[in-house]
């Protein structure tokens, strides 16, 4: 008879509501916590950031080092190192007298800080393989073809400066600055 007592039934319903209310609060708390954490991103020292928005595309703003706000789930940050970097590449070319010349090129460069968003929009994050590598190959072949093999050795500094100036001009169009 105690099982059908209305006071007993109300007590049991109240007891089961207590954990359900706490569970709701915990779930809401977790969702709020995720939203807060997903609203910020950090750009480390020596980097600049760009935000890609799912609806509007790449923002025109470039983000400097530090903590920044973003819309969670709709915006994704991309970070680019703007410090001086080294890119090594091997290039083979024929000299003016048709001798095969192998060259190892070490290129010191950095991204133009004000053009990081344009670089990302026009070229993408694989800019080393899309821009730098083909530029080195083409410039080394063009400059090497102007000289005979002996000149490449005896006038090494002159050839080096020719390659450097040609690369500097070519990479500047892609927002990369040669150091």
Protein backbone atom coordinates (compact mmCIF):
# COMPACT_ATOMS: atom_id res chain seq x y z
CA UNK A 1 0.00 0.00 0.00
CA UNK A 2 2.96 2.29 0.60
CA UNK A 3 3.87 2.00 -3.07
CA UNK A 4 0.67 3.73 -4.16
CA UNK A 5 0.97 6.54 -1.65
CA UNK A 6 0.92 9.89 -3.58
CA UNK A 7 3.50 11.45 -1.25
CA UNK A 8 5.90 8.60 -1.91
CA UNK A 9 5.48 8.90 -5.68
CA UNK A 10 6.09 12.69 -5.56
CA UNK A 11 9.22 12.12 -3.49
CA UNK A 12 10.60 9.62 -6.03
CA UNK A 13 9.91 12.02 -8.94
CA UNK A 14 11.68 14.80 -7.05
CA UNK A 15 14.67 12.55 -6.36
CA UNK A 16 15.03 11.67 -10.05
CA UNK A 17 14.76 15.36 -11.12
CA UNK A 18 17.73 16.35 -8.97
CA UNK A 19 20.37 14.44 -11.01
CA UNK A 20 18.70 15.45 -14.31
CA UNK A 21 18.97 19.16 -13.39
CA UNK A 22 22.65 18.75 -12.50
CA UNK A 23 23.28 16.86 -15.73
CA UNK A 24 21.66 19.69 -17.73
CA UNK A 25 23.84 22.26 -15.96
CA UNK A 26 27.00 20.24 -16.59
CA UNK A 27 26.20 19.86 -20.30
CA UNK A 28 25.43 23.59 -20.66
CA UNK A 29 28.66 24.40 -18.80
CA UNK A 30 30.70 22.19 -21.14
CA UNK A 31 29.10 23.81 -24.21
CA UNK A 32 29.83 27.32 -22.88
CA UNK A 33 33.40 26.31 -22.05
CA UNK A 34 33.95 24.95 -25.60
CA UNK A 35 32.50 28.14 -27.13
CA UNK A 36 34.76 30.33 -25.01
CA UNK A 37 37.89 28.31 -25.83
CA UNK A 38 36.97 28.15 -29.53
CA UNK A 39 36.57 31.93 -29.67
CA UNK A 40 40.27 32.72 -29.30
CA UNK A 41 43.49 31.88 -31.08
CA UNK A 42 47.13 32.72 -30.44
CA UNK A 43 49.60 33.91 -33.06
CA UNK A 44 53.09 32.96 -31.81
CA UNK A 45 56.16 35.20 -31.94
CA UNK A 46 57.60 35.61 -35.42
CA UNK A 47 54.32 34.74 -37.13
CA UNK A 48 51.35 36.57 -38.62
CA UNK A 49 47.88 35.14 -38.83
CA UNK A 50 45.06 35.11 -41.35
CA UNK A 51 41.46 34.07 -40.70
CA UNK A 52 39.41 32.07 -43.17
CA UNK A 53 35.66 32.55 -42.66
CA UNK A 54 33.40 29.78 -43.96
CA UNK A 55 30.90 32.27 -45.39
CA UNK A 56 32.97 35.29 -46.47
CA UNK A 57 36.37 33.75 -47.25
CA UNK A 58 39.70 35.24 -46.22
CA UNK A 59 39.53 38.39 -44.12
CA UNK A 60 41.49 41.42 -45.30
CA UNK A 61 43.07 41.84 -41.88
CA UNK A 62 46.44 40.36 -40.95
CA UNK A 63 46.85 39.41 -37.28
CA UNK A 64 50.10 40.15 -35.45
CA UNK A 65 51.50 38.17 -32.54
CA UNK A 66 49.25 37.68 -29.53
CA UNK A 67 45.74 36.60 -28.54
CA UNK A 68 42.88 37.28 -30.97
CA UNK A 69 39.12 36.67 -31.22
CA UNK A 70 37.42 34.51 -33.86
CA UNK A 71 33.97 33.04 -34.38
CA UNK A 72 34.00 29.44 -33.20
CA UNK A 73 33.17 26.81 -35.84
CA UNK A 74 32.93 29.41 -38.66
CA UNK A 75 36.44 30.86 -38.70
CA UNK A 76 39.76 29.05 -38.90
CA UNK A 77 43.11 30.76 -38.27
CA UNK A 78 46.19 30.09 -40.42
CA UNK A 79 49.63 31.11 -39.18
CA UNK A 80 52.60 32.06 -41.37
CA UNK A 81 56.17 32.51 -40.18
CA UNK A 82 57.41 35.99 -41.12
CA UNK A 83 60.93 35.57 -39.75
CA UNK A 84 63.80 34.89 -42.11
CA UNK A 85 63.65 31.33 -43.41
CA UNK A 86 66.07 29.25 -45.47
CA UNK A 87 64.99 27.28 -48.53
CA UNK A 88 67.52 24.86 -50.04
CA UNK A 89 67.16 23.56 -53.57
CA UNK A 90 69.23 21.74 -56.17
CA UNK A 91 69.15 23.00 -59.74
CA UNK A 92 70.68 21.52 -62.87
CA UNK A 93 71.22 23.62 -65.99
CA UNK A 94 73.29 23.76 -69.15
CA UNK A 95 75.93 26.44 -69.56
CA UNK A 96 76.44 28.45 -72.75
CA UNK A 97 78.95 25.85 -74.00
CA UNK A 98 76.43 23.05 -73.19
CA UNK A 99 78.17 21.77 -70.06
CA UNK A 100 75.79 20.39 -67.41
CA UNK A 101 76.07 22.40 -64.23
CA UNK A 102 74.61 21.29 -60.89
CA UNK A 103 73.96 24.05 -58.38
CA UNK A 104 72.90 23.97 -54.74
CA UNK A 105 70.97 27.14 -53.88
CA UNK A 106 70.32 28.33 -50.33
CA UNK A 107 67.74 31.10 -50.33
CA UNK A 108 67.15 33.35 -47.29
CA UNK A 109 63.74 35.00 -47.47
CA UNK A 110 60.76 36.16 -45.46
CA UNK A 111 57.12 36.93 -46.17
CA UNK A 112 56.05 40.58 -46.44
CA UNK A 113 54.17 41.07 -43.14
CA UNK A 114 51.56 43.34 -44.69
CA UNK A 115 50.77 40.91 -47.52
CA UNK A 116 50.29 37.64 -45.61
CA UNK A 117 46.54 37.58 -46.32
CA UNK A 118 47.11 38.30 -50.04
CA UNK A 119 49.75 35.56 -50.21
CA UNK A 120 47.33 33.10 -48.60
CA UNK A 121 44.47 34.17 -50.88
CA UNK A 122 46.43 34.10 -54.16
CA UNK A 123 49.01 31.36 -53.58
CA UNK A 124 48.11 29.38 -50.47
CA UNK A 125 50.13 27.88 -47.64
CA UNK A 126 52.31 25.80 -50.03
CA UNK A 127 53.98 28.92 -51.42
CA UNK A 128 57.48 27.38 -51.16
CA UNK A 129 56.63 24.63 -53.63
CA UNK A 130 54.40 26.78 -55.84
CA UNK A 131 56.59 29.88 -56.10
CA UNK A 132 60.10 29.52 -54.66
CA UNK A 133 61.09 26.14 -56.13
CA UNK A 134 60.03 26.92 -59.73
CA UNK A 135 61.56 30.40 -59.50
CA UNK A 136 64.93 29.01 -58.44
CA UNK A 137 64.87 26.45 -61.25
CA UNK A 138 63.99 29.00 -63.95
CA UNK A 139 66.38 31.72 -62.79
CA UNK A 140 69.35 29.35 -62.38
CA UNK A 141 68.75 27.91 -65.85
CA UNK A 142 68.42 31.37 -67.42
CA UNK A 143 71.54 32.83 -65.76
CA UNK A 144 73.66 29.69 -66.26
CA UNK A 145 72.81 29.64 -69.98
CA UNK A 146 74.35 33.11 -70.36
CA UNK A 147 77.82 31.97 -69.22
CA UNK A 148 80.31 29.33 -70.28
CA UNK A 149 81.33 26.76 -67.66
CA UNK A 150 84.68 28.45 -67.01
CA UNK A 151 82.99 31.81 -66.28
CA UNK A 152 80.65 30.15 -63.80
CA UNK A 153 83.72 29.26 -61.75
CA UNK A 154 85.94 32.31 -62.31
CA UNK A 155 83.12 34.87 -62.04
CA UNK A 156 81.22 33.12 -59.28
CA UNK A 157 80.35 36.30 -57.34
CA UNK A 158 79.00 38.02 -60.48
CA UNK A 159 76.85 35.00 -61.34
CA UNK A 160 75.66 34.80 -57.73
CA UNK A 161 74.59 38.47 -57.81
CA UNK A 162 72.80 37.98 -61.14
CA UNK A 163 70.84 35.04 -59.72
CA UNK A 164 70.10 36.93 -56.51
CA UNK A 165 68.80 40.05 -58.27
CA UNK A 166 66.67 38.00 -60.70
CA UNK A 167 65.19 35.99 -57.81
CA UNK A 168 64.60 39.13 -55.76
CA UNK A 169 62.63 40.72 -58.59
CA UNK A 170 60.66 37.55 -59.31
CA UNK A 171 59.80 36.72 -55.67
CA UNK A 172 58.76 40.30 -54.86
CA UNK A 173 55.76 39.82 -57.15
CA UNK A 174 54.64 36.99 -54.86
CA UNK A 175 55.06 38.96 -51.60
CA UNK A 176 58.31 37.24 -50.67
CA UNK A 177 61.32 39.37 -49.73
CA UNK A 178 64.84 38.07 -50.35
CA UNK A 179 67.32 38.78 -47.54
